[in-house]
Amino acid sequence: MKKVEAIIRPFKLEDVKLALVKAGIVGMTVTEVRGFGRQKGQVERYRGSEFTVEFLQKLKVEVVVDDASVDAVLKAIAEAAKTGEIGDGKIFISAVDSVLRIRTGDKDETAL
């Protein structure tokens, strides 16, 4: 099992959600996050004054999938979240040792 974490632009959430559902993913977690990468924030103007927003608002989408689904999930997220401009985000993949569904007691693949 793998955990796929994607940092995406907030306005791309609906596109990513639809792409994941189309790829057969039935559950996900979305968290509002703030950070910066190569773009190092951005300069904004407010009432004639310039100021730098150092931490940009992004969303973190997390899904846990079986090993066979990882490539399809990566492709779905990457295609749906891409604008072609700096700040599109990143996708991280990590191993998941075990999963337990609290309600039923199902473990590992049956809990997904």
PDB file of N, CA and C in Angstrom:
ATOM      1  N   MET A   1       0.840  -1.184   0.000  1.00  0.00           N
ATOM      2  CA  MET A   1       0.000   0.000   0.000  1.00  0.00           C
ATOM      3  C   MET A   1       0.875   1.234   0.000  1.00  0.00           C
ATOM      4  N   LYS A   2       0.384   2.276  -0.623  1.00  0.00           N
ATOM      5  CA  LYS A   2       1.111   3.542  -0.707  1.00  0.00           C
ATOM      6  C   LYS A   2       0.194   4.700  -0.333  1.00  0.00           C
ATOM      7  N   LYS A   3       0.798   5.713   0.266  1.00  0.00           N
ATOM      8  CA  LYS A   3       0.092   6.960   0.546  1.00  0.00           C
ATOM      9  C   LYS A   3       0.581   7.984  -0.466  1.00  0.00           C
ATOM     10  N   VAL A   4      -0.351   8.567  -1.203  1.00  0.00           N
ATOM     11  CA  VAL A   4      -0.023   9.587  -2.193  1.00  0.00           C
ATOM     12  C   VAL A   4      -0.498  10.917  -1.632  1.00  0.00           C
ATOM     13  N   GLU A   5       0.444  11.862  -1.493  1.00  0.00           N
ATOM     14  CA  GLU A   5       0.137  13.203  -1.011  1.00  0.00           C
ATOM     15  C   GLU A   5       0.444  14.180  -2.135  1.00  0.00           C
ATOM     16  N   ALA A   6      -0.527  14.985  -2.496  1.00  0.00           N
ATOM     17  CA  ALA A   6      -0.344  15.961  -3.559  1.00  0.00           C
ATOM     18  C   ALA A   6      -0.613  17.355  -3.018  1.00  0.00           C
ATOM     19  N   ILE A   7       0.326  18.256  -3.273  1.00  0.00           N
ATOM     20  CA  ILE A   7       0.148  19.663  -2.930  1.00  0.00           C
ATOM     21  C   ILE A   7      -0.294  20.346  -4.223  1.00  0.00           C
ATOM     22  N   ILE A   8      -1.485  20.927  -4.223  1.00  0.00           N
ATOM     23  CA  ILE A   8      -2.053  21.485  -5.454  1.00  0.00           C
ATOM     24  C   ILE A   8      -2.589  22.900  -5.215  1.00  0.00           C
ATOM     25  N   ARG A   9      -2.896  23.577  -6.307  1.00  0.00           N
ATOM     26  CA  ARG A   9      -3.534  24.895  -6.229  1.00  0.00           C
ATOM     27  C   ARG A   9      -4.993  24.694  -5.780  1.00  0.00           C
ATOM     28  N   PRO A  10      -5.511  25.580  -4.945  1.00  0.00           N
ATOM     29  CA  PRO A  10      -6.886  25.409  -4.445  1.00  0.00           C
ATOM     30  C   PRO A  10      -7.945  25.322  -5.539  1.00  0.00           C
ATOM     31  N   PHE A  11      -7.823  26.091  -6.610  1.00  0.00           N
ATOM     32  CA  PHE A  11      -8.861  26.077  -7.637  1.00  0.00           C
ATOM     33  C   PHE A  11      -8.833  24.808  -8.498  1.00  0.00           C
ATOM     34  N   LYS A  12      -7.825  23.956  -8.311  1.00  0.00           N
ATOM     35  CA  LYS A  12      -7.735  22.703  -9.057  1.00  0.00           C
ATOM     36  C   LYS A  12      -8.343  21.519  -8.303  1.00  0.00           C
ATOM     37  N   LEU A  13      -8.870  21.749  -7.111  1.00  0.00           N
ATOM     38  CA  LEU A  13      -9.390  20.652  -6.294  1.00  0.00           C
ATOM     39  C   LEU A  13     -10.497  19.872  -6.999  1.00  0.00           C
ATOM     40  N   GLU A  14     -11.463  20.559  -7.574  1.00  0.00           N
ATOM     41  CA  GLU A  14     -12.585  19.864  -8.211  1.00  0.00           C
ATOM     42  C   GLU A  14     -12.100  19.004  -9.379  1.00  0.00           C
ATOM     43  N   ASP A  15     -11.170  19.519 -10.169  1.00  0.00           N
ATOM     44  CA  ASP A  15     -10.612  18.748 -11.278  1.00  0.00           C
ATOM     45  C   ASP A  15      -9.898  17.499 -10.777  1.00  0.00           C
ATOM     46  N   VAL A  16      -9.112  17.647  -9.712  1.00  0.00           N
ATOM     47  CA  VAL A  16      -8.384  16.507  -9.149  1.00  0.00           C
ATOM     48  C   VAL A  16      -9.358  15.492  -8.574  1.00  0.00           C
ATOM     49  N   LYS A  17     -10.374  15.969  -7.864  1.00  0.00           N
ATOM     50  CA  LYS A  17     -11.366  15.050  -7.292  1.00  0.00           C
ATOM     51  C   LYS A  17     -12.054  14.236  -8.377  1.00  0.00           C
ATOM     52  N   LEU A  18     -12.490  14.898  -9.439  1.00  0.00           N
ATOM     53  CA  LEU A  18     -13.156  14.191 -10.534  1.00  0.00           C
ATOM     54  C   LEU A  18     -12.226  13.188 -11.204  1.00  0.00           C
ATOM     55  N   ALA A  19     -10.970  13.544 -11.370  1.00  0.00           N
ATOM     56  CA  ALA A  19     -10.006  12.640 -11.985  1.00  0.00           C
ATOM     57  C   ALA A  19      -9.760  11.410 -11.109  1.00  0.00           C
ATOM     58  N   LEU A  20      -9.699  11.612  -9.787  1.00  0.00           N
ATOM     59  CA  LEU A  20      -9.493  10.477  -8.889  1.00  0.00           C
ATOM     60  C   LEU A  20     -10.718   9.559  -8.858  1.00  0.00           C
ATOM     61  N   VAL A  21     -11.901  10.145  -8.836  1.00  0.00           N
ATOM     62  CA  VAL A  21     -13.120   9.326  -8.867  1.00  0.00           C
ATOM     63  C   VAL A  21     -13.175   8.526 -10.166  1.00  0.00           C
ATOM     64  N   LYS A  22     -12.813   9.160 -11.270  1.00  0.00           N
ATOM     65  CA  LYS A  22     -12.790   8.468 -12.564  1.00  0.00           C
ATOM     66  C   LYS A  22     -11.770   7.330 -12.563  1.00  0.00           C
ATOM     67  N   ALA A  23     -10.683   7.488 -11.790  1.00  0.00           N
ATOM     68  CA  ALA A  23      -9.651   6.456 -11.685  1.00  0.00           C
ATOM     69  C   ALA A  23     -10.020   5.365 -10.686  1.00  0.00           C
ATOM     70  N   GLY A  24     -11.200   5.485 -10.061  1.00  0.00           N
ATOM     71  CA  GLY A  24     -11.665   4.450  -9.142  1.00  0.00           C
ATOM     72  C   GLY A  24     -11.316   4.652  -7.687  1.00  0.00           C
ATOM     73  N   ILE A  25     -10.860   5.828  -7.331  1.00  0.00           N
ATOM     74  CA  ILE A  25     -10.517   6.119  -5.931  1.00  0.00           C
ATOM     75  C   ILE A  25     -11.785   6.540  -5.196  1.00  0.00           C
ATOM     76  N   VAL A  26     -12.049   5.895  -4.054  1.00  0.00           N
ATOM     77  CA  VAL A  26     -13.306   6.136  -3.344  1.00  0.00           C
ATOM     78  C   VAL A  26     -13.171   7.026  -2.119  1.00  0.00           C
ATOM     79  N   GLY A  27     -11.969   7.372  -1.712  1.00  0.00           N
ATOM     80  CA  GLY A  27     -11.827   8.217  -0.535  1.00  0.00           C
ATOM     81  C   GLY A  27     -10.579   9.071  -0.611  1.00  0.00           C
ATOM     82  N   MET A  28     -10.646  10.244  -0.016  1.00  0.00           N
ATOM     83  CA  MET A  28      -9.489  11.127   0.023  1.00  0.00           C
ATOM     84  C   MET A  28      -9.634  12.077   1.201  1.00  0.00           C
ATOM     85  N   THR A  29      -8.527  12.651   1.599  1.00  0.00           N
ATOM     86  CA  THR A  29      -8.510  13.668   2.644  1.00  0.00           C
ATOM     87  C   THR A  29      -7.927  14.932   2.039  1.00  0.00           C
ATOM     88  N   VAL A  30      -8.550  16.071   2.317  1.00  0.00           N
ATOM     89  CA  VAL A  30      -8.082  17.355   1.805  1.00  0.00           C
ATOM     90  C   VAL A  30      -7.823  18.283   2.992  1.00  0.00           C
ATOM     91  N   THR A  31      -6.651  18.901   2.992  1.00  0.00           N
ATOM     92  CA  THR A  31      -6.256  19.799   4.068  1.00  0.00           C
ATOM     93  C   THR A  31      -5.780  21.111   3.474  1.00  0.00           C
ATOM     94  N   GLU A  32      -6.180  22.235   4.071  1.00  0.00           N
ATOM     95  CA  GLU A  32      -5.649  23.530   3.652  1.00  0.00           C
ATOM     96  C   GLU A  32      -4.265  23.683   4.270  1.00  0.00           C
ATOM     97  N   VAL A  33      -3.284  24.006   3.416  1.00  0.00           N
ATOM     98  CA  VAL A  33      -1.906  24.173   3.878  1.00  0.00           C
ATOM     99  C   VAL A  33      -1.355  25.466   3.319  1.00  0.00           C
ATOM    100  N   ARG A  34      -0.238  25.918   3.863  1.00  0.00           N
ATOM    101  CA  ARG A  34       0.442  27.116   3.378  1.00  0.00           C
ATOM    102  C   ARG A  34       1.910  26.784   3.249  1.00  0.00           C
ATOM    103  N   GLY A  35       2.553  27.337   2.228  1.00  0.00           N
ATOM    104  CA  GLY A  35       3.973  27.097   2.041  1.00  0.00           C
ATOM    105  C   GLY A  35       4.492  27.802   0.812  1.00  0.00           C
ATOM    106  N   PHE A  36       5.749  27.502   0.474  1.00  0.00           N
ATOM    107  CA  PHE A  36       6.327  28.057  -0.743  1.00  0.00           C
ATOM    108  C   PHE A  36       7.384  27.100  -1.256  1.00  0.00           C
ATOM    109  N   GLY A  37       7.635  27.223  -2.538  1.00  0.00           N
ATOM    110  CA  GLY A  37       8.669  26.437  -3.195  1.00  0.00           C
ATOM    111  C   GLY A  37       9.571  27.379  -3.952  1.00  0.00           C
ATOM    112  N   ARG A  38       9.822  27.050  -5.211  1.00  0.00           N
ATOM    113  CA  ARG A  38      10.697  27.890  -6.027  1.00  0.00           C
ATOM    114  C   ARG A  38      10.155  29.290  -6.229  1.00  0.00           C
ATOM    115  N   GLN A  39       8.834  29.440  -6.195  1.00  0.00           N
ATOM    116  CA  GLN A  39       8.273  30.757  -6.459  1.00  0.00           C
ATOM    117  C   GLN A  39       8.512  31.731  -5.305  1.00  0.00           C
ATOM    118  N   LYS A  40       8.847  31.235  -4.137  1.00  0.00           N
ATOM    119  CA  LYS A  40       9.216  32.043  -2.965  1.00  0.00           C
ATOM    120  C   LYS A  40       8.194  33.128  -2.648  1.00  0.00           C
ATOM    121  N   GLY A  41       6.936  32.780  -2.702  1.00  0.00           N
ATOM    122  CA  GLY A  41       5.893  33.750  -2.407  1.00  0.00           C
ATOM    123  C   GLY A  41       5.600  34.620  -3.610  1.00  0.00           C
ATOM    124  N   GLN A  42       4.825  35.651  -3.376  1.00  0.00           N
ATOM    125  CA  GLN A  42       4.492  36.567  -4.471  1.00  0.00           C
ATOM    126  C   GLN A  42       4.247  37.950  -3.907  1.00  0.00           C
ATOM    127  N   VAL A  43       4.424  38.963  -4.764  1.00  0.00           N
ATOM    128  CA  VAL A  43       4.231  40.358  -4.365  1.00  0.00           C
ATOM    129  C   VAL A  43       2.778  40.733  -4.652  1.00  0.00           C
ATOM    130  N   GLU A  44       2.106  41.288  -3.673  1.00  0.00           N
ATOM    131  CA  GLU A  44       0.716  41.730  -3.792  1.00  0.00           C
ATOM    132  C   GLU A  44       0.661  43.234  -3.577  1.00  0.00           C
ATOM    133  N   ARG A  45      -0.389  43.855  -4.095  1.00  0.00           N
ATOM    134  CA  ARG A  45      -0.640  45.282  -3.854  1.00  0.00           C
ATOM    135  C   ARG A  45      -1.959  45.417  -3.105  1.00  0.00           C
ATOM    136  N   TYR A  46      -1.956  46.263  -2.080  1.00  0.00           N
ATOM    137  CA  TYR A  46      -3.171  46.529  -1.329  1.00  0.00           C
ATOM    138  C   TYR A  46      -3.171  48.008  -0.990  1.00  0.00           C
ATOM    139  N   ARG A  47      -4.166  48.728  -1.505  1.00  0.00           N
ATOM    140  CA  ARG A  47      -4.299  50.168  -1.274  1.00  0.00           C
ATOM    141  C   ARG A  47      -3.013  50.930  -1.576  1.00  0.00           C
ATOM    142  N   GLY A  48      -2.377  50.569  -2.700  1.00  0.00           N
ATOM    143  CA  GLY A  48      -1.186  51.284  -3.134  1.00  0.00           C
ATOM    144  C   GLY A  48       0.119  50.823  -2.526  1.00  0.00           C
ATOM    145  N   SER A  49       0.048  49.956  -1.522  1.00  0.00           N
ATOM    146  CA  SER A  49       1.276  49.473  -0.888  1.00  0.00           C
ATOM    147  C   SER A  49       1.597  48.070  -1.387  1.00  0.00           C
ATOM    148  N   GLU A  50       2.889  47.813  -1.577  1.00  0.00           N
ATOM    149  CA  GLU A  50       3.323  46.475  -1.965  1.00  0.00           C
ATOM    150  C   GLU A  50       3.722  45.697  -0.727  1.00  0.00           C
ATOM    151  N   PHE A  51       3.375  44.422  -0.700  1.00  0.00           N
ATOM    152  CA  PHE A  51       3.845  43.546   0.360  1.00  0.00           C
ATOM    153  C   PHE A  51       4.013  42.150  -0.222  1.00  0.00           C
ATOM    154  N   THR A  52       4.874  41.378   0.407  1.00  0.00           N
ATOM    155  CA  THR A  52       5.168  40.035  -0.087  1.00  0.00           C
ATOM    156  C   THR A  52       4.408  39.003   0.738  1.00  0.00           C
ATOM    157  N   VAL A  53       3.685  38.140   0.036  1.00  0.00           N
ATOM    158  CA  VAL A  53       3.036  37.011   0.686  1.00  0.00           C
ATOM    159  C   VAL A  53       4.031  35.863   0.606  1.00  0.00           C
ATOM    160  N   GLU A  54       4.625  35.489   1.734  1.00  0.00           N
ATOM    161  CA  GLU A  54       5.682  34.484   1.729  1.00  0.00           C
ATOM    162  C   GLU A  54       5.133  33.063   1.683  1.00  0.00           C
ATOM    163  N   PHE A  55       4.022  32.817   2.333  1.00  0.00           N
ATOM    164  CA  PHE A  55       3.442  31.481   2.358  1.00  0.00           C
ATOM    165  C   PHE A  55       2.152  31.497   1.550  1.00  0.00           C
ATOM    166  N   LEU A  56       2.151  30.778   0.444  1.00  0.00           N
ATOM    167  CA  LEU A  56       0.996  30.737  -0.434  1.00  0.00           C
ATOM    168  C   LEU A  56       0.026  29.646   0.010  1.00  0.00           C
ATOM    169  N   GLN A  57      -1.250  29.892  -0.205  1.00  0.00           N
ATOM    170  CA  GLN A  57      -2.251  28.901   0.158  1.00  0.00           C
ATOM    171  C   GLN A  57      -2.296  27.804  -0.885  1.00  0.00           C
ATOM    172  N   LYS A  58      -2.265  26.569  -0.412  1.00  0.00           N
ATOM    173  CA  LYS A  58      -2.348  25.385  -1.262  1.00  0.00           C
ATOM    174  C   LYS A  58      -3.279  24.398  -0.563  1.00  0.00           C
ATOM    175  N   LEU A  59      -3.555  23.301  -1.238  1.00  0.00           N
ATOM    176  CA  LEU A  59      -4.317  22.204  -0.650  1.00  0.00           C
ATOM    177  C   LEU A  59      -3.468  20.950  -0.704  1.00  0.00           C
ATOM    178  N   LYS A  60      -3.580  20.130   0.330  1.00  0.00           N
ATOM    179  CA  LYS A  60      -2.923  18.828   0.329  1.00  0.00           C
ATOM    180  C   LYS A  60      -4.004  17.769   0.209  1.00  0.00           C
ATOM    181  N   VAL A  61      -3.906  16.969  -0.850  1.00  0.00           N
ATOM    182  CA  VAL A  61      -4.843  15.873  -1.096  1.00  0.00           C
ATOM    183  C   VAL A  61      -4.106  14.585  -0.770  1.00  0.00           C
ATOM    184  N   GLU A  62      -4.696  13.752   0.105  1.00  0.00           N
ATOM    185  CA  GLU A  62      -4.071  12.499   0.498  1.00  0.00           C
ATOM    186  C   GLU A  62      -4.985  11.332   0.160  1.00  0.00           C
ATOM    187  N   VAL A  63      -4.404  10.297  -0.447  1.00  0.00           N
ATOM    188  CA  VAL A  63      -5.129   9.055  -0.705  1.00  0.00           C
ATOM    189  C   VAL A  63      -4.195   7.895  -0.390  1.00  0.00           C
ATOM    190  N   VAL A  64      -4.767   6.807   0.102  1.00  0.00           N
ATOM    191  CA  VAL A  64      -4.018   5.579   0.326  1.00  0.00           C
ATOM    192  C   VAL A  64      -4.583   4.542  -0.628  1.00  0.00           C
ATOM    193  N   VAL A  65      -3.690   3.949  -1.421  1.00  0.00           N
ATOM    194  CA  VAL A  65      -4.116   3.011  -2.472  1.00  0.00           C
ATOM    195  C   VAL A  65      -3.242   1.767  -2.443  1.00  0.00           C
ATOM    196  N   ASP A  66      -3.735   0.705  -3.089  1.00  0.00           N
ATOM    197  CA  ASP A  66      -2.902  -0.485  -3.227  1.00  0.00           C
ATOM    198  C   ASP A  66      -1.811  -0.201  -4.255  1.00  0.00           C
ATOM    199  N   ASP A  67      -0.763  -0.998  -4.228  1.00  0.00           N
ATOM    200  CA  ASP A  67       0.399  -0.744  -5.083  1.00  0.00           C
ATOM    201  C   ASP A  67       0.041  -0.705  -6.569  1.00  0.00           C
ATOM    202  N   ALA A  68      -0.931  -1.496  -6.981  1.00  0.00           N
ATOM    203  CA  ALA A  68      -1.301  -1.563  -8.392  1.00  0.00           C
ATOM    204  C   ALA A  68      -1.952  -0.271  -8.889  1.00  0.00           C
ATOM    205  N   SER A  69      -2.502   0.533  -8.000  1.00  0.00           N
ATOM    206  CA  SER A  69      -3.226   1.753  -8.397  1.00  0.00           C
ATOM    207  C   SER A  69      -2.372   3.010  -8.390  1.00  0.00           C
ATOM    208  N   VAL A  70      -1.136   2.915  -7.920  1.00  0.00           N
ATOM    209  CA  VAL A  70      -0.311   4.109  -7.735  1.00  0.00           C
ATOM    210  C   VAL A  70      -0.094   4.864  -9.044  1.00  0.00           C
ATOM    211  N   ASP A  71       0.270   4.168 -10.111  1.00  0.00           N
ATOM    212  CA  ASP A  71       0.545   4.857 -11.376  1.00  0.00           C
ATOM    213  C   ASP A  71      -0.689   5.574 -11.921  1.00  0.00           C
ATOM    214  N   ALA A  72      -1.852   4.945 -11.809  1.00  0.00           N
ATOM    215  CA  ALA A  72      -3.088   5.575 -12.283  1.00  0.00           C
ATOM    216  C   ALA A  72      -3.412   6.819 -11.464  1.00  0.00           C
ATOM    217  N   VAL A  73      -3.187   6.761 -10.167  1.00  0.00           N
ATOM    218  CA  VAL A  73      -3.446   7.907  -9.292  1.00  0.00           C
ATOM    219  C   VAL A  73      -2.479   9.045  -9.612  1.00  0.00           C
ATOM    220  N   LEU A  74      -1.207   8.728  -9.790  1.00  0.00           N
ATOM    221  CA  LEU A  74      -0.223   9.755 -10.143  1.00  0.00           C
ATOM    222  C   LEU A  74      -0.601  10.448 -11.449  1.00  0.00           C
ATOM    223  N   LYS A  75      -0.948   9.676 -12.443  1.00  0.00           N
ATOM    224  CA  LYS A  75      -1.312  10.242 -13.739  1.00  0.00           C
ATOM    225  C   LYS A  75      -2.557  11.120 -13.621  1.00  0.00           C
ATOM    226  N   ALA A  76      -3.560  10.637 -12.886  1.00  0.00           N
ATOM    227  CA  ALA A  76      -4.807  11.391 -12.726  1.00  0.00           C
ATOM    228  C   ALA A  76      -4.555  12.736 -12.050  1.00  0.00           C
ATOM    229  N   ILE A  77      -3.795  12.726 -10.960  1.00  0.00           N
ATOM    230  CA  ILE A  77      -3.527  13.970 -10.229  1.00  0.00           C
ATOM    231  C   ILE A  77      -2.680  14.921 -11.076  1.00  0.00           C
ATOM    232  N   ALA A  78      -1.608  14.388 -11.669  1.00  0.00           N
ATOM    233  CA  ALA A  78      -0.695  15.245 -12.434  1.00  0.00           C
ATOM    234  C   ALA A  78      -1.408  15.918 -13.603  1.00  0.00           C
ATOM    235  N   GLU A  79      -2.237  15.184 -14.307  1.00  0.00           N
ATOM    236  CA  GLU A  79      -2.946  15.771 -15.450  1.00  0.00           C
ATOM    237  C   GLU A  79      -4.005  16.773 -15.010  1.00  0.00           C
ATOM    238  N   ALA A  80      -4.709  16.475 -13.925  1.00  0.00           N
ATOM    239  CA  ALA A  80      -5.787  17.352 -13.469  1.00  0.00           C
ATOM    240  C   ALA A  80      -5.274  18.624 -12.808  1.00  0.00           C
ATOM    241  N   ALA A  81      -4.117  18.563 -12.138  1.00  0.00           N
ATOM    242  CA  ALA A  81      -3.612  19.707 -11.376  1.00  0.00           C
ATOM    243  C   ALA A  81      -2.705  20.622 -12.187  1.00  0.00           C
ATOM    244  N   LYS A  82      -2.292  20.189 -13.355  1.00  0.00           N
ATOM    245  CA  LYS A  82      -1.299  20.942 -14.128  1.00  0.00           C
ATOM    246  C   LYS A  82      -1.888  22.180 -14.804  1.00  0.00           C
ATOM    247  N   THR A  83      -1.195  23.312 -14.613  1.00  0.00           N
ATOM    248  CA  THR A  83      -1.499  24.527 -15.379  1.00  0.00           C
ATOM    249  C   THR A  83      -0.337  24.870 -16.293  1.00  0.00           C
ATOM    250  N   GLY A  84       0.822  24.290 -16.027  1.00  0.00           N
ATOM    251  CA  GLY A  84       2.014  24.572 -16.804  1.00  0.00           C
ATOM    252  C   GLY A  84       2.826  25.730 -16.281  1.00  0.00           C
ATOM    253  N   GLU A  85       2.423  26.294 -15.158  1.00  0.00           N
ATOM    254  CA  GLU A  85       3.140  27.430 -14.590  1.00  0.00           C
ATOM    255  C   GLU A  85       3.761  27.040 -13.256  1.00  0.00           C
ATOM    256  N   ILE A  86       4.738  27.826 -12.841  1.00  0.00           N
ATOM    257  CA  ILE A  86       5.404  27.568 -11.570  1.00  0.00           C
ATOM    258  C   ILE A  86       4.370  27.622 -10.445  1.00  0.00           C
ATOM    259  N   GLY A  87       4.480  26.722  -9.486  1.00  0.00           N
ATOM    260  CA  GLY A  87       3.547  26.680  -8.367  1.00  0.00           C
ATOM    261  C   GLY A  87       2.442  25.656  -8.520  1.00  0.00           C
ATOM    262  N   ASP A  88       2.532  24.787  -9.538  1.00  0.00           N
ATOM    263  CA  ASP A  88       1.504  23.752  -9.717  1.00  0.00           C
ATOM    264  C   ASP A  88       1.497  22.735  -8.581  1.00  0.00           C
ATOM    265  N   GLY A  89       2.622  22.534  -7.905  1.00  0.00           N
ATOM    266  CA  GLY A  89       2.652  21.651  -6.750  1.00  0.00           C
ATOM    267  C   GLY A  89       3.565  20.464  -6.928  1.00  0.00           C
ATOM    268  N   LYS A  90       3.423  19.507  -6.016  1.00  0.00           N
ATOM    269  CA  LYS A  90       4.257  18.306  -6.010  1.00  0.00           C
ATOM    270  C   LYS A  90       3.408  17.127  -5.549  1.00  0.00           C
ATOM    271  N   ILE A  91       3.891  15.930  -5.887  1.00  0.00           N
ATOM    272  CA  ILE A  91       3.245  14.692  -5.434  1.00  0.00           C
ATOM    273  C   ILE A  91       4.305  13.865  -4.714  1.00  0.00           C
ATOM    274  N   PHE A  92       3.960  13.393  -3.526  1.00  0.00           N
ATOM    275  CA  PHE A  92       4.856  12.570  -2.721  1.00  0.00           C
ATOM    276  C   PHE A  92       4.222  11.184  -2.542  1.00  0.00           C
ATOM    277  N   ILE A  93       5.052  10.157  -2.566  1.00  0.00           N
ATOM    278  CA  ILE A  93       4.572   8.789  -2.366  1.00  0.00           C
ATOM    279  C   ILE A  93       5.372   8.173  -1.228  1.00  0.00           C
ATOM    280  N   SER A  94       4.666   7.553  -0.292  1.00  0.00           N
ATOM    281  CA  SER A  94       5.339   6.873   0.811  1.00  0.00           C
ATOM    282  C   SER A  94       4.646   5.544   1.093  1.00  0.00           C
ATOM    283  N   ALA A  95       5.387   4.648   1.687  1.00  0.00           N
ATOM    284  CA  ALA A  95       4.856   3.320   2.000  1.00  0.00           C
ATOM    285  C   ALA A  95       3.936   3.388   3.222  1.00  0.00           C
ATOM    286  N   VAL A  96       2.898   2.569   3.201  1.00  0.00           N
ATOM    287  CA  VAL A  96       1.989   2.442   4.349  1.00  0.00           C
ATOM    288  C   VAL A  96       2.087   1.003   4.823  1.00  0.00           C
ATOM    289  N   ASP A  97       2.452   0.812   6.084  1.00  0.00           N
ATOM    290  CA  ASP A  97       2.630  -0.538   6.615  1.00  0.00           C
ATOM    291  C   ASP A  97       1.312  -1.245   6.869  1.00  0.00           C
ATOM    292  N   SER A  98       0.349  -0.515   7.413  1.00  0.00           N
ATOM    293  CA  SER A  98      -0.903  -1.160   7.775  1.00  0.00           C
ATOM    294  C   SER A  98      -2.020  -0.132   7.876  1.00  0.00           C
ATOM    295  N   VAL A  99      -3.254  -0.598   7.664  1.00  0.00           N
ATOM    296  CA  VAL A  99      -4.444   0.243   7.783  1.00  0.00           C
ATOM    297  C   VAL A  99      -5.485  -0.530   8.576  1.00  0.00           C
ATOM    298  N   LEU A 100      -6.212   0.163   9.441  1.00  0.00           N
ATOM    299  CA  LEU A 100      -7.294  -0.457  10.202  1.00  0.00           C
ATOM    300  C   LEU A 100      -8.536   0.418  10.078  1.00  0.00           C
ATOM    301  N   ARG A 101      -9.626  -0.142   9.588  1.00  0.00           N
ATOM    302  CA  ARG A 101     -10.897   0.584   9.549  1.00  0.00           C
ATOM    303  C   ARG A 101     -11.521   0.452  10.934  1.00  0.00           C
ATOM    304  N   ILE A 102     -11.732   1.542  11.607  1.00  0.00           N
ATOM    305  CA  ILE A 102     -12.198   1.547  12.991  1.00  0.00           C
ATOM    306  C   ILE A 102     -13.574   0.908  13.129  1.00  0.00           C
ATOM    307  N   ARG A 103     -14.499   1.271  12.245  1.00  0.00           N
ATOM    308  CA  ARG A 103     -15.886   0.793  12.364  1.00  0.00           C
ATOM    309  C   ARG A 103     -16.006  -0.722  12.283  1.00  0.00           C
ATOM    310  N   THR A 104     -15.317  -1.343  11.318  1.00  0.00           N
ATOM    311  CA  THR A 104     -15.502  -2.780  11.077  1.00  0.00           C
ATOM    312  C   THR A 104     -14.360  -3.647  11.565  1.00  0.00           C
ATOM    313  N   GLY A 105     -13.209  -3.047  11.803  1.00  0.00           N
ATOM    314  CA  GLY A 105     -12.048  -3.823  12.185  1.00  0.00           C
ATOM    315  C   GLY A 105     -11.296  -4.398  10.987  1.00  0.00           C
ATOM    316  N   ASP A 106     -11.721  -4.051   9.758  1.00  0.00           N
ATOM    317  CA  ASP A 106     -11.025  -4.517   8.571  1.00  0.00           C
ATOM    318  C   ASP A 106      -9.587  -4.012   8.582  1.00  0.00           C
ATOM    319  N   LYS A 107      -8.668  -4.846   8.070  1.00  0.00           N
ATOM    320  CA  LYS A 107      -7.252  -4.471   8.060  1.00  0.00           C
ATOM    321  C   LYS A 107      -6.713  -4.471   6.641  1.00  0.00           C
ATOM    322  N   ASP A 108      -5.715  -3.637   6.448  1.00  0.00           N
ATOM    323  CA  ASP A 108      -4.927  -3.528   5.225  1.00  0.00           C
ATOM    324  C   ASP A 108      -5.786  -3.350   3.976  1.00  0.00           C
ATOM    325  N   GLU A 109      -5.603  -4.133   2.911  1.00  0.00           N
ATOM    326  CA  GLU A 109      -6.297  -3.896   1.652  1.00  0.00           C
ATOM    327  C   GLU A 109      -7.822  -3.909   1.792  1.00  0.00           C
ATOM    328  N   THR A 110      -8.363  -4.736   2.675  1.00  0.00           N
ATOM    329  CA  THR A 110      -9.825  -4.766   2.834  1.00  0.00           C
ATOM    330  C   THR A 110     -10.338  -3.504   3.517  1.00  0.00           C
ATOM    331  N   ALA A 111      -9.455  -2.763   4.198  1.00  0.00           N
ATOM    332  CA  ALA A 111      -9.858  -1.522   4.866  1.00  0.00           C
ATOM    333  C   ALA A 111      -9.876  -0.344   3.895  1.00  0.00           C
ATOM    334  N   LEU A 112      -9.236  -0.512   2.743  1.00  0.00           N
ATOM    335  CA  LEU A 112      -9.226   0.586   1.777  1.00  0.00           C
ATOM    336  C   LEU A 112     -10.571   0.680   1.101  1.00  0.00           C
TER     337      LEU A 112
END
